[in-house]
Amino acid sequence: MLPLGDLFSIVIMAFALGMDAFSVGLGIGMQAIRLKRIFIIGLTVGVFHILMPFIGLILGTYISNKIEGIAILGAGLLLCAIGIQMILNTILNKENQLLAPVGFGLFVFAFTVSLDSFSVGLSLGLSGLATVLAISLFGIFSAVLTWTALLIGRKTHHLLGTYSEILGGCILFGFGLNILF
């Protein structure tokens, strides 16, 4: 049986890891996205939040110290680029997106917001059932938080019109800067 304190710590950690997906999901949700796409995006983010800490557990700390900085830099630059592209496309009335949350773009989005769970997976000092529980909760929390953010962003899009995409781009750009600095 898992002590209540350990369970509470795992839940807080899962919530914290899911907040990255929530923050970025707000920006993505301000685009015109259908409910089916929202479901797929949240599910994909949840799966990545399960896979990334699992991969982190397998690879170990040696490799992570060498590649983690490069991966985080790339993720920050990518979010900044997507944010700027959203802002410019809205201002210039263009419809094409640099990286839409479909196909390959969806995997890049899910990978970007789940990078921190990779690092947590590397340092996850749990064993057996607690590890399975922790990784499962990471996926559940991130999926639910992503769905929530996308739905909030979708509602905001309807309220603010085209300005919501500029706001969404600013959120993504700011989040990218937060990762970089």
N, C-alpha and C. Protein backbone atom coordinates (compact mmCIF):
# COMPACT_ATOMS: atom_id res chain seq x y z
N MET A 1 0.84 -1.18 0.00
CA MET A 1 0.00 0.00 0.00
C MET A 1 0.89 1.25 0.00
N LEU A 2 0.55 2.18 -0.83
CA LEU A 2 1.29 3.43 -0.97
C LEU A 2 0.88 4.39 0.14
N PRO A 3 1.86 4.94 0.88
CA PRO A 3 1.52 5.92 1.92
C PRO A 3 0.81 7.13 1.33
N LEU A 4 -0.09 7.71 2.10
CA LEU A 4 -0.89 8.84 1.64
C LEU A 4 -0.01 10.03 1.23
N GLY A 5 1.07 10.27 1.96
CA GLY A 5 1.99 11.36 1.63
C GLY A 5 2.63 11.17 0.26
N ASP A 6 3.02 9.93 -0.05
CA ASP A 6 3.61 9.63 -1.36
C ASP A 6 2.58 9.81 -2.48
N LEU A 7 1.36 9.37 -2.23
CA LEU A 7 0.29 9.54 -3.22
C LEU A 7 0.03 11.02 -3.48
N PHE A 8 0.00 11.81 -2.41
CA PHE A 8 -0.21 13.25 -2.55
C PHE A 8 0.92 13.88 -3.37
N SER A 9 2.15 13.47 -3.11
CA SER A 9 3.29 13.99 -3.87
C SER A 9 3.20 13.65 -5.35
N ILE A 10 2.77 12.43 -5.66
CA ILE A 10 2.63 12.01 -7.05
C ILE A 10 1.54 12.82 -7.75
N VAL A 11 0.42 13.05 -7.05
CA VAL A 11 -0.68 13.83 -7.64
C VAL A 11 -0.23 15.26 -7.91
N ILE A 12 0.48 15.86 -6.97
CA ILE A 12 0.98 17.24 -7.15
C ILE A 12 1.96 17.29 -8.32
N MET A 13 2.83 16.30 -8.41
CA MET A 13 3.80 16.24 -9.50
C MET A 13 3.08 16.08 -10.84
N ALA A 14 2.06 15.24 -10.90
CA ALA A 14 1.30 15.04 -12.13
C ALA A 14 0.59 16.33 -12.54
N PHE A 15 0.04 17.04 -11.56
CA PHE A 15 -0.62 18.30 -11.85
C PHE A 15 0.38 19.33 -12.39
N ALA A 16 1.53 19.42 -11.75
CA ALA A 16 2.56 20.37 -12.18
C ALA A 16 3.03 20.06 -13.60
N LEU A 17 3.24 18.80 -13.91
CA LEU A 17 3.68 18.43 -15.26
C LEU A 17 2.60 18.73 -16.29
N GLY A 18 1.34 18.57 -15.93
CA GLY A 18 0.25 18.85 -16.84
C GLY A 18 0.03 20.33 -17.09
N MET A 19 0.54 21.18 -16.23
CA MET A 19 0.34 22.62 -16.39
C MET A 19 1.06 23.17 -17.62
N ASP A 20 2.16 22.57 -18.03
CA ASP A 20 2.81 22.98 -19.29
C ASP A 20 1.84 22.77 -20.45
N ALA A 21 1.24 21.61 -20.48
CA ALA A 21 0.28 21.31 -21.54
C ALA A 21 -0.92 22.25 -21.46
N PHE A 22 -1.34 22.60 -20.26
CA PHE A 22 -2.46 23.53 -20.08
C PHE A 22 -2.10 24.90 -20.66
N SER A 23 -0.92 25.41 -20.30
CA SER A 23 -0.50 26.73 -20.77
C SER A 23 -0.42 26.80 -22.28
N VAL A 24 0.22 25.82 -22.88
CA VAL A 24 0.37 25.82 -24.33
C VAL A 24 -0.99 25.52 -24.99
N GLY A 25 -1.79 24.68 -24.35
CA GLY A 25 -3.11 24.35 -24.88
C GLY A 25 -4.01 25.57 -24.99
N LEU A 26 -3.86 26.52 -24.07
CA LEU A 26 -4.65 27.76 -24.17
C LEU A 26 -4.37 28.47 -25.48
N GLY A 27 -3.10 28.57 -25.82
CA GLY A 27 -2.72 29.24 -27.06
C GLY A 27 -3.20 28.49 -28.29
N ILE A 28 -3.02 27.18 -28.30
CA ILE A 28 -3.45 26.36 -29.43
C ILE A 28 -4.98 26.39 -29.55
N GLY A 29 -5.67 26.37 -28.42
CA GLY A 29 -7.13 26.35 -28.42
C GLY A 29 -7.76 27.61 -28.98
N MET A 30 -7.02 28.69 -29.06
CA MET A 30 -7.57 29.93 -29.59
C MET A 30 -7.65 29.92 -31.12
N GLN A 31 -7.15 28.87 -31.73
CA GLN A 31 -7.38 28.66 -33.15
C GLN A 31 -8.74 27.99 -33.29
N ALA A 32 -9.29 28.00 -34.47
CA ALA A 32 -10.57 27.33 -34.69
C ALA A 32 -10.32 25.82 -34.72
N ILE A 33 -10.65 25.14 -33.63
CA ILE A 33 -10.39 23.70 -33.51
C ILE A 33 -11.71 23.00 -33.18
N ARG A 34 -11.99 21.91 -33.88
CA ARG A 34 -13.20 21.13 -33.64
C ARG A 34 -13.03 20.27 -32.40
N LEU A 35 -14.15 19.85 -31.82
CA LEU A 35 -14.13 19.05 -30.60
C LEU A 35 -13.41 17.71 -30.80
N LYS A 36 -13.57 17.10 -31.96
CA LYS A 36 -12.88 15.84 -32.25
C LYS A 36 -11.37 16.05 -32.20
N ARG A 37 -10.88 17.15 -32.78
CA ARG A 37 -9.45 17.46 -32.78
C ARG A 37 -8.97 17.71 -31.36
N ILE A 38 -9.79 18.40 -30.56
CA ILE A 38 -9.44 18.66 -29.16
C ILE A 38 -9.26 17.34 -28.42
N PHE A 39 -10.16 16.39 -28.64
CA PHE A 39 -10.05 15.08 -28.00
C PHE A 39 -8.76 14.39 -28.40
N ILE A 40 -8.44 14.40 -29.69
CA ILE A 40 -7.23 13.74 -30.20
C ILE A 40 -5.98 14.41 -29.64
N ILE A 41 -5.97 15.73 -29.59
CA ILE A 41 -4.80 16.46 -29.06
C ILE A 41 -4.57 16.09 -27.60
N GLY A 42 -5.62 16.15 -26.79
CA GLY A 42 -5.49 15.81 -25.37
C GLY A 42 -5.03 14.38 -25.15
N LEU A 43 -5.59 13.47 -25.92
CA LEU A 43 -5.20 12.07 -25.81
C LEU A 43 -3.73 11.87 -26.18
N THR A 44 -3.30 12.53 -27.25
CA THR A 44 -1.90 12.42 -27.68
C THR A 44 -0.95 12.99 -26.63
N VAL A 45 -1.31 14.15 -26.07
CA VAL A 45 -0.48 14.75 -25.02
C VAL A 45 -0.41 13.81 -23.81
N GLY A 46 -1.53 13.21 -23.45
CA GLY A 46 -1.55 12.26 -22.33
C GLY A 46 -0.65 11.07 -22.58
N VAL A 47 -0.70 10.53 -23.79
CA VAL A 47 0.15 9.38 -24.14
C VAL A 47 1.62 9.78 -24.07
N PHE A 48 1.96 10.96 -24.58
CA PHE A 48 3.35 11.41 -24.53
C PHE A 48 3.79 11.63 -23.08
N HIS A 49 2.89 12.07 -22.21
CA HIS A 49 3.25 12.25 -20.80
C HIS A 49 3.39 10.91 -20.08
N ILE A 50 2.98 9.85 -20.70
CA ILE A 50 3.25 8.50 -20.18
C ILE A 50 4.55 7.98 -20.78
N LEU A 51 4.72 8.16 -22.09
CA LEU A 51 5.90 7.64 -22.77
C LEU A 51 7.20 8.33 -22.35
N MET A 52 7.16 9.65 -22.23
CA MET A 52 8.39 10.39 -21.95
C MET A 52 9.02 10.03 -20.60
N PRO A 53 8.26 9.98 -19.49
CA PRO A 53 8.92 9.56 -18.25
C PRO A 53 9.35 8.09 -18.29
N PHE A 54 8.61 7.27 -19.03
CA PHE A 54 9.01 5.87 -19.17
C PHE A 54 10.34 5.77 -19.90
N ILE A 55 10.48 6.54 -20.98
CA ILE A 55 11.75 6.57 -21.71
C ILE A 55 12.85 7.13 -20.81
N GLY A 56 12.51 8.15 -20.02
CA GLY A 56 13.47 8.71 -19.08
C GLY A 56 13.95 7.69 -18.07
N LEU A 57 13.03 6.87 -17.58
CA LEU A 57 13.42 5.81 -16.65
C LEU A 57 14.39 4.83 -17.30
N ILE A 58 14.13 4.52 -18.57
CA ILE A 58 14.96 3.54 -19.27
C ILE A 58 16.34 4.09 -19.61
N LEU A 59 16.40 5.31 -20.09
CA LEU A 59 17.68 5.85 -20.57
C LEU A 59 18.66 6.19 -19.45
N GLY A 60 18.15 6.63 -18.33
CA GLY A 60 19.05 6.94 -17.22
C GLY A 60 19.63 8.34 -17.28
N THR A 61 20.31 8.70 -16.22
CA THR A 61 20.77 10.07 -16.08
C THR A 61 21.98 10.42 -16.96
N TYR A 62 22.77 9.46 -17.35
CA TYR A 62 23.96 9.77 -18.15
C TYR A 62 23.58 10.45 -19.46
N ILE A 63 22.67 9.84 -20.17
CA ILE A 63 22.28 10.39 -21.46
C ILE A 63 21.53 11.70 -21.29
N SER A 64 20.69 11.78 -20.26
CA SER A 64 19.86 12.98 -20.09
C SER A 64 20.69 14.23 -19.87
N ASN A 65 21.78 14.11 -19.15
CA ASN A 65 22.61 15.28 -18.91
C ASN A 65 23.21 15.82 -20.21
N LYS A 66 23.39 14.97 -21.18
CA LYS A 66 23.98 15.38 -22.45
C LYS A 66 22.95 15.97 -23.42
N ILE A 67 21.73 15.41 -23.44
CA ILE A 67 20.76 15.86 -24.45
C ILE A 67 19.65 16.74 -23.91
N GLU A 68 19.45 16.78 -22.61
CA GLU A 68 18.32 17.52 -22.06
C GLU A 68 18.38 19.00 -22.41
N GLY A 69 19.54 19.62 -22.28
CA GLY A 69 19.67 21.04 -22.58
C GLY A 69 19.36 21.37 -24.03
N ILE A 70 19.83 20.52 -24.93
CA ILE A 70 19.57 20.73 -26.36
C ILE A 70 18.09 20.58 -26.66
N ALA A 71 17.45 19.57 -26.08
CA ALA A 71 16.03 19.34 -26.32
C ALA A 71 15.19 20.49 -25.79
N ILE A 72 15.53 21.01 -24.62
CA ILE A 72 14.78 22.12 -24.03
C ILE A 72 14.97 23.38 -24.87
N LEU A 73 16.18 23.63 -25.34
CA LEU A 73 16.44 24.79 -26.21
C LEU A 73 15.61 24.69 -27.49
N GLY A 74 15.59 23.53 -28.09
CA GLY A 74 14.80 23.32 -29.31
C GLY A 74 13.31 23.52 -29.07
N ALA A 75 12.82 23.03 -27.94
CA ALA A 75 11.40 23.18 -27.62
C ALA A 75 11.04 24.65 -27.42
N GLY A 76 11.88 25.39 -26.73
CA GLY A 76 11.62 26.81 -26.51
C GLY A 76 11.62 27.60 -27.80
N LEU A 77 12.60 27.33 -28.66
CA LEU A 77 12.66 28.02 -29.95
C LEU A 77 11.47 27.68 -30.83
N LEU A 78 11.06 26.43 -30.80
CA LEU A 78 9.91 26.00 -31.60
C LEU A 78 8.63 26.70 -31.14
N LEU A 79 8.40 26.77 -29.84
CA LEU A 79 7.21 27.45 -29.34
C LEU A 79 7.24 28.94 -29.69
N CYS A 80 8.39 29.57 -29.58
CA CYS A 80 8.51 30.98 -29.97
C CYS A 80 8.19 31.16 -31.46
N ALA A 81 8.71 30.28 -32.30
CA ALA A 81 8.46 30.37 -33.74
C ALA A 81 6.99 30.17 -34.07
N ILE A 82 6.34 29.20 -33.42
CA ILE A 82 4.92 28.97 -33.68
C ILE A 82 4.11 30.18 -33.22
N GLY A 83 4.46 30.75 -32.06
CA GLY A 83 3.76 31.93 -31.57
C GLY A 83 3.88 33.11 -32.50
N ILE A 84 5.09 33.40 -32.96
CA ILE A 84 5.31 34.50 -33.91
C ILE A 84 4.56 34.24 -35.21
N GLN A 85 4.59 33.01 -35.68
CA GLN A 85 3.91 32.66 -36.91
C GLN A 85 2.40 32.85 -36.77
N MET A 86 1.82 32.48 -35.63
CA MET A 86 0.38 32.69 -35.40
C MET A 86 0.04 34.17 -35.42
N ILE A 87 0.86 34.97 -34.77
CA ILE A 87 0.61 36.42 -34.72
C ILE A 87 0.69 37.02 -36.12
N LEU A 88 1.76 36.69 -36.86
CA LEU A 88 1.94 37.24 -38.21
C LEU A 88 0.84 36.78 -39.16
N ASN A 89 0.44 35.52 -39.08
CA ASN A 89 -0.62 35.03 -39.95
C ASN A 89 -1.93 35.75 -39.68
N THR A 90 -2.20 36.06 -38.42
CA THR A 90 -3.43 36.77 -38.09
C THR A 90 -3.37 38.20 -38.61
N ILE A 91 -2.24 38.85 -38.41
CA ILE A 91 -2.10 40.23 -38.87
C ILE A 91 -2.17 40.30 -40.40
N LEU A 92 -1.54 39.34 -41.08
CA LEU A 92 -1.50 39.33 -42.54
C LEU A 92 -2.68 38.59 -43.17
N ASN A 93 -3.62 38.11 -42.32
CA ASN A 93 -4.82 37.38 -42.78
C ASN A 93 -4.47 36.14 -43.59
N LYS A 94 -3.48 35.39 -43.15
CA LYS A 94 -3.12 34.14 -43.82
C LYS A 94 -3.69 32.99 -43.00
N GLU A 95 -4.02 31.90 -43.67
CA GLU A 95 -4.63 30.75 -43.01
C GLU A 95 -3.65 29.63 -42.73
N ASN A 96 -2.56 29.53 -43.48
CA ASN A 96 -1.64 28.41 -43.29
C ASN A 96 -0.83 28.59 -42.01
N GLN A 97 -0.62 27.48 -41.32
CA GLN A 97 0.10 27.50 -40.06
C GLN A 97 1.43 26.79 -40.23
N LEU A 98 2.42 27.31 -39.52
CA LEU A 98 3.74 26.68 -39.52
C LEU A 98 3.65 25.26 -39.00
N LEU A 99 2.95 25.08 -37.91
CA LEU A 99 2.85 23.77 -37.29
C LEU A 99 1.48 23.65 -36.64
N ALA A 100 0.52 23.13 -37.36
CA ALA A 100 -0.83 22.94 -36.83
C ALA A 100 -0.86 21.68 -35.97
N PRO A 101 -1.77 21.62 -34.99
CA PRO A 101 -1.83 20.45 -34.12
C PRO A 101 -2.53 19.26 -34.78
N VAL A 102 -2.05 18.89 -35.95
CA VAL A 102 -2.53 17.70 -36.67
C VAL A 102 -1.32 16.99 -37.25
N GLY A 103 -1.41 15.71 -37.46
CA GLY A 103 -0.33 14.94 -38.05
C GLY A 103 0.98 15.10 -37.30
N PHE A 104 2.03 15.39 -38.05
CA PHE A 104 3.36 15.55 -37.45
C PHE A 104 3.39 16.70 -36.45
N GLY A 105 2.67 17.79 -36.76
CA GLY A 105 2.61 18.94 -35.86
C GLY A 105 2.05 18.58 -34.49
N LEU A 106 1.09 17.66 -34.46
CA LEU A 106 0.52 17.20 -33.20
C LEU A 106 1.57 16.48 -32.37
N PHE A 107 2.39 15.64 -33.02
CA PHE A 107 3.44 14.93 -32.29
C PHE A 107 4.51 15.88 -31.78
N VAL A 108 4.83 16.90 -32.57
CA VAL A 108 5.81 17.89 -32.12
C VAL A 108 5.26 18.65 -30.91
N PHE A 109 3.99 19.04 -30.98
CA PHE A 109 3.34 19.74 -29.87
C PHE A 109 3.37 18.86 -28.61
N ALA A 110 2.93 17.61 -28.73
CA ALA A 110 2.89 16.70 -27.59
C ALA A 110 4.29 16.45 -27.02
N PHE A 111 5.27 16.30 -27.90
CA PHE A 111 6.64 16.09 -27.46
C PHE A 111 7.16 17.31 -26.70
N THR A 112 6.87 18.49 -27.23
CA THR A 112 7.36 19.73 -26.63
C THR A 112 6.83 19.92 -25.21
N VAL A 113 5.53 19.68 -25.02
CA VAL A 113 4.97 19.91 -23.69
C VAL A 113 5.24 18.77 -22.72
N SER A 114 5.78 17.65 -23.23
CA SER A 114 6.06 16.54 -22.33
C SER A 114 7.55 16.36 -22.04
N LEU A 115 8.38 17.30 -22.50
CA LEU A 115 9.82 17.20 -22.24
C LEU A 115 10.15 17.21 -20.75
N ASP A 116 9.42 18.00 -19.99
CA ASP A 116 9.71 18.05 -18.56
C ASP A 116 9.40 16.72 -17.88
N SER A 117 8.43 15.98 -18.40
CA SER A 117 8.13 14.68 -17.79
C SER A 117 9.23 13.66 -18.09
N PHE A 118 9.98 13.88 -19.18
CA PHE A 118 11.14 13.04 -19.47
C PHE A 118 12.15 13.18 -18.34
N SER A 119 12.44 14.42 -17.96
CA SER A 119 13.39 14.66 -16.88
C SER A 119 12.90 14.08 -15.56
N VAL A 120 11.62 14.22 -15.31
CA VAL A 120 11.06 13.66 -14.08
C VAL A 120 11.19 12.15 -14.09
N GLY A 121 10.97 11.55 -15.26
CA GLY A 121 11.13 10.10 -15.38
C GLY A 121 12.54 9.65 -15.06
N LEU A 122 13.52 10.48 -15.43
CA LEU A 122 14.91 10.14 -15.14
C LEU A 122 15.17 10.11 -13.64
N SER A 123 14.52 11.01 -12.92
CA SER A 123 14.80 11.11 -11.50
C SER A 123 13.74 10.43 -10.64
N LEU A 124 12.79 9.78 -11.26
CA LEU A 124 11.72 9.13 -10.51
C LEU A 124 12.31 8.00 -9.69
N GLY A 125 12.37 8.22 -8.40
CA GLY A 125 12.98 7.24 -7.50
C GLY A 125 11.99 6.27 -6.94
N LEU A 126 10.93 6.02 -7.64
CA LEU A 126 9.90 5.10 -7.17
C LEU A 126 10.13 3.74 -7.79
N SER A 127 9.45 2.73 -7.26
CA SER A 127 9.60 1.40 -7.84
C SER A 127 8.25 0.70 -7.87
N GLY A 128 8.15 -0.26 -8.76
CA GLY A 128 6.97 -1.11 -8.83
C GLY A 128 5.69 -0.36 -9.10
N LEU A 129 4.68 -0.59 -8.28
CA LEU A 129 3.35 -0.03 -8.45
C LEU A 129 3.37 1.49 -8.41
N ALA A 130 4.20 2.07 -7.55
CA ALA A 130 4.25 3.53 -7.44
C ALA A 130 4.72 4.16 -8.75
N THR A 131 5.64 3.54 -9.45
CA THR A 131 6.12 4.07 -10.72
C THR A 131 5.01 4.00 -11.76
N VAL A 132 4.32 2.88 -11.83
CA VAL A 132 3.22 2.73 -12.78
C VAL A 132 2.12 3.73 -12.46
N LEU A 133 1.80 3.90 -11.21
CA LEU A 133 0.78 4.87 -10.79
C LEU A 133 1.20 6.29 -11.16
N ALA A 134 2.44 6.64 -10.87
CA ALA A 134 2.93 7.99 -11.16
C ALA A 134 2.87 8.29 -12.65
N ILE A 135 3.38 7.39 -13.47
CA ILE A 135 3.39 7.62 -14.91
C ILE A 135 1.97 7.67 -15.46
N SER A 136 1.09 6.83 -14.95
CA SER A 136 -0.31 6.85 -15.38
C SER A 136 -0.97 8.17 -15.02
N LEU A 137 -0.72 8.65 -13.80
CA LEU A 137 -1.30 9.93 -13.39
C LEU A 137 -0.73 11.09 -14.20
N PHE A 138 0.53 11.02 -14.59
CA PHE A 138 1.11 12.06 -15.46
C PHE A 138 0.29 12.15 -16.75
N GLY A 139 -0.01 11.01 -17.34
CA GLY A 139 -0.77 11.00 -18.58
C GLY A 139 -2.20 11.48 -18.40
N ILE A 140 -2.86 11.02 -17.34
CA ILE A 140 -4.25 11.41 -17.09
C ILE A 140 -4.36 12.91 -16.82
N PHE A 141 -3.52 13.41 -15.94
CA PHE A 141 -3.58 14.84 -15.60
C PHE A 141 -3.27 15.71 -16.81
N SER A 142 -2.25 15.35 -17.58
CA SER A 142 -1.89 16.19 -18.73
C SER A 142 -2.99 16.15 -19.79
N ALA A 143 -3.62 15.00 -20.01
CA ALA A 143 -4.71 14.92 -20.99
C ALA A 143 -5.88 15.79 -20.55
N VAL A 144 -6.28 15.67 -19.28
CA VAL A 144 -7.43 16.44 -18.77
C VAL A 144 -7.12 17.93 -18.79
N LEU A 145 -5.93 18.32 -18.39
CA LEU A 145 -5.56 19.74 -18.40
C LEU A 145 -5.47 20.28 -19.82
N THR A 146 -5.00 19.46 -20.76
CA THR A 146 -4.95 19.89 -22.16
C THR A 146 -6.36 20.09 -22.70
N TRP A 147 -7.25 19.13 -22.44
CA TRP A 147 -8.63 19.28 -22.88
C TRP A 147 -9.27 20.54 -22.30
N THR A 148 -9.03 20.76 -21.03
CA THR A 148 -9.59 21.96 -20.37
C THR A 148 -9.09 23.23 -21.03
N ALA A 149 -7.78 23.30 -21.25
CA ALA A 149 -7.19 24.50 -21.87
C ALA A 149 -7.70 24.71 -23.29
N LEU A 150 -7.76 23.64 -24.06
CA LEU A 150 -8.24 23.76 -25.43
C LEU A 150 -9.69 24.23 -25.48
N LEU A 151 -10.50 23.74 -24.56
CA LEU A 151 -11.91 24.17 -24.52
C LEU A 151 -12.03 25.62 -24.07
N ILE A 152 -11.22 26.02 -23.11
CA ILE A 152 -11.21 27.43 -22.69
C ILE A 152 -10.74 28.31 -23.85
N GLY A 153 -9.67 27.89 -24.53
CA GLY A 153 -9.17 28.63 -25.67
C GLY A 153 -10.19 28.70 -26.79
N ARG A 154 -10.90 27.61 -27.01
CA ARG A 154 -11.95 27.58 -28.05
C ARG A 154 -13.06 28.57 -27.72
N LYS A 155 -13.47 28.61 -26.48
CA LYS A 155 -14.52 29.55 -26.06
C LYS A 155 -14.02 30.99 -26.18
N THR A 156 -12.77 31.22 -25.80
CA THR A 156 -12.17 32.55 -25.90
C THR A 156 -12.09 32.97 -27.36
N HIS A 157 -11.77 32.03 -28.24
CA HIS A 157 -11.69 32.33 -29.68
C HIS A 157 -13.02 32.89 -30.17
N HIS A 158 -14.11 32.28 -29.73
CA HIS A 158 -15.44 32.76 -30.16
C HIS A 158 -15.76 34.13 -29.58
N LEU A 159 -15.25 34.41 -28.39
CA LEU A 159 -15.52 35.70 -27.75
C LEU A 159 -14.67 36.82 -28.33
N LEU A 160 -13.42 36.53 -28.64
CA LEU A 160 -12.48 37.57 -29.07
C LEU A 160 -12.26 37.64 -30.57
N GLY A 161 -12.72 36.65 -31.31
CA GLY A 161 -12.53 36.65 -32.77
C GLY A 161 -11.07 36.51 -33.15
N THR A 162 -10.63 37.31 -34.13
CA THR A 162 -9.26 37.17 -34.63
C THR A 162 -8.22 37.59 -33.59
N TYR A 163 -8.62 38.44 -32.64
CA TYR A 163 -7.67 38.85 -31.61
C TYR A 163 -7.26 37.67 -30.72
N SER A 164 -8.10 36.64 -30.67
CA SER A 164 -7.76 35.48 -29.85
C SER A 164 -6.55 34.76 -30.41
N GLU A 165 -6.38 34.75 -31.73
CA GLU A 165 -5.21 34.10 -32.30
C GLU A 165 -3.94 34.88 -32.00
N ILE A 166 -4.03 36.20 -31.96
CA ILE A 166 -2.88 37.02 -31.56
C ILE A 166 -2.54 36.73 -30.11
N LEU A 167 -3.57 36.67 -29.25
CA LEU A 167 -3.36 36.34 -27.84
C LEU A 167 -2.75 34.95 -27.70
N GLY A 168 -3.28 33.99 -28.47
CA GLY A 168 -2.74 32.63 -28.45
C GLY A 168 -1.28 32.59 -28.88
N GLY A 169 -0.95 33.35 -29.93
CA GLY A 169 0.44 33.43 -30.37
C GLY A 169 1.33 34.03 -29.32
N CYS A 170 0.82 35.05 -28.63
CA CYS A 170 1.60 35.68 -27.54
C CYS A 170 1.83 34.70 -26.40
N ILE A 171 0.80 33.90 -26.08
CA ILE A 171 0.94 32.89 -25.02
C ILE A 171 2.02 31.88 -25.40
N LEU A 172 1.96 31.38 -26.63
CA LEU A 172 2.97 30.39 -27.07
C LEU A 172 4.36 31.00 -27.09
N PHE A 173 4.48 32.22 -27.59
CA PHE A 173 5.78 32.89 -27.62
C PHE A 173 6.30 33.09 -26.20
N GLY A 174 5.44 33.56 -25.30
CA GLY A 174 5.85 33.76 -23.90
C GLY A 174 6.25 32.46 -23.23
N PHE A 175 5.52 31.40 -23.52
CA PHE A 175 5.87 30.11 -22.93
C PHE A 175 7.20 29.62 -23.48
N GLY A 176 7.44 29.87 -24.78
CA GLY A 176 8.73 29.51 -25.37
C GLY A 176 9.88 30.27 -24.71
N LEU A 177 9.66 31.57 -24.46
CA LEU A 177 10.68 32.38 -23.76
C LEU A 177 10.89 31.86 -22.36
N ASN A 178 9.81 31.45 -21.69
CA ASN A 178 9.92 30.89 -20.34
C ASN A 178 10.79 29.64 -20.33
N ILE A 179 10.63 28.80 -21.34
CA ILE A 179 11.46 27.59 -21.44
C ILE A 179 12.93 27.98 -21.69
N LEU A 180 13.14 28.96 -22.56
CA LEU A 180 14.52 29.36 -22.89
C LEU A 180 15.24 30.03 -21.73
N PHE A 181 14.52 30.83 -20.96
CA PHE A 181 15.16 31.58 -19.89
C PHE A 181 14.61 31.14 -18.57
